[in-house]
Amino acid sequence: MEKAASKGIPLEDYLQDHPEPLVHRMLDLGQLRYAWTDPDGNRPSSDDGGPQPPKGWWPRPIWTTIDREKREVRGDARVKPHFPPMYFVVVFPEPAVTEQPAQRHIGRPSSAALVVEEAARRLRSTNSAALLRQGRDRFLGGLSEWLGKAHPEKPQMAAKTIGVRLRENEVVRGLMPKSWLRK
């Protein structure tokens, strides 16, 4: 665990570059690994095998307080189940995928994998809040335009088709606002 903890990014540093609601969502969905120091024995704990709060604890900012100065994460004692605070939380973001493995297509070729990867990258980026304010239609239209400019040799996709593909992908679906999930 010590070796992994040395590679982690302190949560307060990670929150400087990423919006807190997105980080809460990523932690709850298991898309962002984390470790912390247990307040009782000061032993390292992690999300892979150690004790961890159950799903649904992270994404409730009104019930979860992140104190960047004290470097602690604390749940609201009035909300059950209540967990002890976590100190010195570090996160382990997945490295960016730079190269896609060759995929064997059965049937018509599609650019869906490219669009889904770009959508996930945009929704995880530091300016994701601005994208969310623009609205679903502009976001999908922007992805369609991006595909035409970045990959003109690939089959093009309409914004409506992109929306269908994004809803089918669990990772992107978890990053999108619920109001965007309509058909």
Protein backbone atom coordinates (compact mmCIF):
# COMPACT_ATOMS: atom_id res chain seq x y z
CA MET A 1 0.00 0.00 0.00
CA GLU A 2 2.91 2.34 0.72
CA LYS A 3 4.14 2.02 -2.84
CA ALA A 4 0.66 2.82 -4.22
CA ALA A 5 0.17 5.70 -1.78
CA SER A 6 3.35 7.34 -3.03
CA LYS A 7 1.82 7.55 -6.51
CA GLY A 8 -1.46 9.00 -5.31
CA ILE A 9 -2.52 12.64 -5.56
CA PRO A 10 -3.77 14.31 -2.36
CA LEU A 11 -7.52 14.84 -2.64
CA GLU A 12 -7.24 18.57 -1.94
CA ASP A 13 -4.76 18.94 -4.84
CA TYR A 14 -6.97 16.90 -7.16
CA LEU A 15 -9.97 19.09 -6.28
CA GLN A 16 -8.07 22.19 -7.47
CA ASP A 17 -8.21 20.85 -11.04
CA HIS A 18 -11.54 18.99 -10.96
CA PRO A 19 -15.03 20.13 -9.86
CA GLU A 20 -16.01 18.63 -6.51
CA PRO A 21 -19.41 17.21 -7.66
CA LEU A 22 -17.65 15.34 -10.48
CA VAL A 23 -15.06 13.93 -8.06
CA HIS A 24 -17.85 12.81 -5.70
CA ARG A 25 -19.59 11.05 -8.59
CA MET A 26 -16.39 9.38 -9.81
CA LEU A 27 -15.56 8.14 -6.30
CA ASP A 28 -19.05 6.73 -5.80
CA LEU A 29 -19.05 4.96 -9.17
CA GLY A 30 -15.65 3.43 -8.48
CA GLN A 31 -14.01 5.30 -11.37
CA LEU A 32 -11.49 6.91 -9.04
CA ARG A 33 -9.52 4.77 -6.58
CA TYR A 34 -8.63 6.26 -3.22
CA ALA A 35 -6.79 5.54 0.03
CA TRP A 36 -6.80 7.26 3.41
CA THR A 37 -5.38 7.06 6.92
CA ASP A 38 -7.64 5.48 9.50
CA PRO A 39 -8.15 7.78 12.53
CA ASP A 40 -8.04 4.92 15.07
CA GLY A 41 -4.80 3.16 14.29
CA ASN A 42 -3.34 5.50 11.69
CA ARG A 43 -3.04 2.54 9.39
CA PRO A 44 -3.48 2.94 5.62
CA SER A 45 -6.84 1.92 4.22
CA SER A 46 -7.95 1.74 0.63
CA ASP A 47 -10.85 1.07 -1.68
CA ASP A 48 -9.43 -2.28 -2.76
CA GLY A 49 -9.89 -4.64 0.13
CA GLY A 50 -9.80 -2.28 3.10
CA PRO A 51 -12.80 -0.85 4.92
CA GLN A 52 -14.60 1.74 2.86
CA PRO A 53 -17.84 3.67 3.04
CA PRO A 54 -20.58 2.04 0.97
CA LYS A 55 -21.76 3.32 -2.41
CA GLY A 56 -23.79 6.47 -2.09
CA TRP A 57 -21.66 8.10 0.61
CA TRP A 58 -19.43 10.22 -1.65
CA PRO A 59 -21.90 11.87 -4.04
CA ARG A 60 -23.89 13.65 -1.37
CA PRO A 61 -21.95 16.87 -0.88
CA ILE A 62 -24.54 18.10 1.62
CA TRP A 63 -23.76 15.07 3.81
CA THR A 64 -20.04 14.81 3.13
CA THR A 65 -17.59 17.53 4.11
CA ILE A 66 -14.13 17.77 2.58
CA ASP A 67 -11.92 19.94 4.77
CA ARG A 68 -8.88 20.78 2.65
CA GLU A 69 -6.93 22.45 5.47
CA LYS A 70 -7.28 19.58 7.94
CA ARG A 71 -7.05 17.09 5.04
CA GLU A 72 -10.08 15.13 6.24
CA VAL A 73 -13.31 13.81 4.78
CA ARG A 74 -16.19 13.59 7.25
CA GLY A 75 -19.75 12.35 6.90
CA ASP A 76 -22.69 13.99 8.66
CA ALA A 77 -23.24 12.27 12.03
CA ARG A 78 -27.01 12.78 11.73
CA VAL A 79 -27.20 10.61 8.62
CA LYS A 80 -27.07 6.85 9.10
CA PRO A 81 -24.92 4.91 8.56
CA HIS A 82 -22.24 7.17 10.02
CA PHE A 83 -18.57 6.49 9.35
CA PRO A 84 -15.48 7.82 11.11
CA PRO A 85 -13.58 10.54 9.29
CA MET A 86 -10.94 9.70 6.71
CA TYR A 87 -7.66 11.62 6.94
CA PHE A 88 -5.03 12.35 4.27
CA VAL A 89 -7.13 11.00 1.40
CA VAL A 90 -5.20 10.39 -1.81
CA VAL A 91 -6.73 9.49 -5.17
CA PHE A 92 -5.33 7.41 -7.99
CA PRO A 93 -6.66 8.65 -11.35
CA GLU A 94 -6.39 6.20 -14.20
CA PRO A 95 -3.73 7.12 -16.75
CA ALA A 96 -5.13 8.55 -19.96
CA VAL A 97 -5.52 6.08 -22.79
CA THR A 98 -3.22 7.27 -25.55
CA GLU A 99 -3.67 4.50 -28.05
CA GLN A 100 -6.72 2.43 -28.81
CA PRO A 101 -6.26 -1.26 -29.42
CA ALA A 102 -7.23 -2.46 -32.86
CA GLN A 103 -10.86 -3.49 -32.85
CA ARG A 104 -12.34 -6.05 -35.14
CA HIS A 105 -15.61 -4.83 -36.56
CA ILE A 106 -18.48 -7.12 -37.30
CA GLY A 107 -20.94 -5.46 -39.62
CA ARG A 108 -20.78 -1.77 -40.48
CA PRO A 109 -17.80 0.20 -39.20
CA SER A 110 -18.65 2.80 -36.56
CA SER A 111 -16.99 5.77 -34.91
CA ALA A 112 -18.92 5.20 -31.68
CA ALA A 113 -15.83 4.15 -29.69
CA LEU A 114 -14.03 7.38 -30.64
CA VAL A 115 -17.01 9.54 -29.73
CA VAL A 116 -17.63 7.77 -26.40
CA GLU A 117 -13.95 8.19 -25.42
CA GLU A 118 -14.00 11.89 -26.36
CA ALA A 119 -17.26 12.46 -24.46
CA ALA A 120 -15.82 10.83 -21.32
CA ARG A 121 -12.66 12.95 -21.64
CA ARG A 122 -14.70 16.15 -21.97
CA LEU A 123 -17.02 15.29 -19.07
CA ARG A 124 -14.01 14.56 -16.83
CA SER A 125 -12.10 17.68 -17.88
CA THR A 126 -11.66 20.80 -15.79
CA ASN A 127 -14.11 22.76 -17.94
CA SER A 128 -16.89 20.14 -17.69
CA ALA A 129 -19.08 22.57 -15.74
CA ALA A 130 -19.10 24.93 -18.74
CA LEU A 131 -20.04 22.04 -21.03
CA LEU A 132 -22.91 21.09 -18.75
CA ARG A 133 -24.22 24.67 -18.76
CA GLN A 134 -24.27 24.70 -22.58
CA GLY A 135 -26.81 21.92 -22.59
CA ARG A 136 -27.20 18.45 -24.03
CA ASP A 137 -27.92 19.44 -27.65
CA ARG A 138 -24.85 21.68 -27.93
CA PHE A 139 -22.69 19.03 -26.27
CA LEU A 140 -23.82 16.36 -28.74
CA GLY A 141 -23.50 18.76 -31.67
CA GLY A 142 -19.98 19.63 -30.56
CA LEU A 143 -19.05 15.94 -30.49
CA SER A 144 -20.44 15.49 -33.99
CA GLU A 145 -18.40 18.47 -35.24
CA TRP A 146 -15.30 17.18 -33.45
CA LEU A 147 -15.64 13.81 -35.17
CA GLY A 148 -15.84 15.48 -38.59
CA LYS A 149 -12.76 17.62 -37.95
CA ALA A 150 -10.58 15.19 -36.01
CA HIS A 151 -11.43 12.02 -37.97
CA PRO A 152 -12.75 12.95 -41.42
CA GLU A 153 -11.89 9.48 -42.78
CA LYS A 154 -14.08 7.69 -40.21
CA PRO A 155 -17.86 7.22 -40.59
CA GLN A 156 -19.64 10.35 -39.35
CA MET A 157 -22.38 10.32 -36.72
CA ALA A 158 -25.33 12.65 -36.19
CA ALA A 159 -25.81 14.27 -32.78
CA LYS A 160 -28.93 12.16 -32.10
CA THR A 161 -27.02 8.93 -32.80
CA ILE A 162 -24.20 10.07 -30.54
CA GLY A 163 -26.73 10.65 -27.75
CA VAL A 164 -27.96 7.07 -28.10
CA ARG A 165 -24.40 5.68 -27.97
CA LEU A 166 -23.52 7.77 -24.90
CA ARG A 167 -26.59 6.56 -23.01
CA GLU A 168 -25.57 2.96 -23.76
CA ASN A 169 -22.11 3.44 -22.20
CA GLU A 170 -22.17 3.06 -18.39
CA VAL A 171 -19.09 5.22 -17.73
CA VAL A 172 -20.33 8.19 -19.75
CA ARG A 173 -23.86 7.68 -18.47
CA GLY A 174 -22.55 8.09 -14.91
CA LEU A 175 -20.80 11.35 -15.81
CA MET A 176 -23.77 12.95 -17.56
CA PRO A 177 -26.49 14.84 -15.66
CA LYS A 178 -29.66 12.82 -15.19
CA SER A 179 -31.66 15.34 -17.23
CA TRP A 180 -29.52 14.44 -20.26
CA LEU A 181 -30.50 10.78 -20.10
CA ARG A 182 -33.90 11.27 -21.70
CA LYS A 183 -34.49 9.70 -25.09
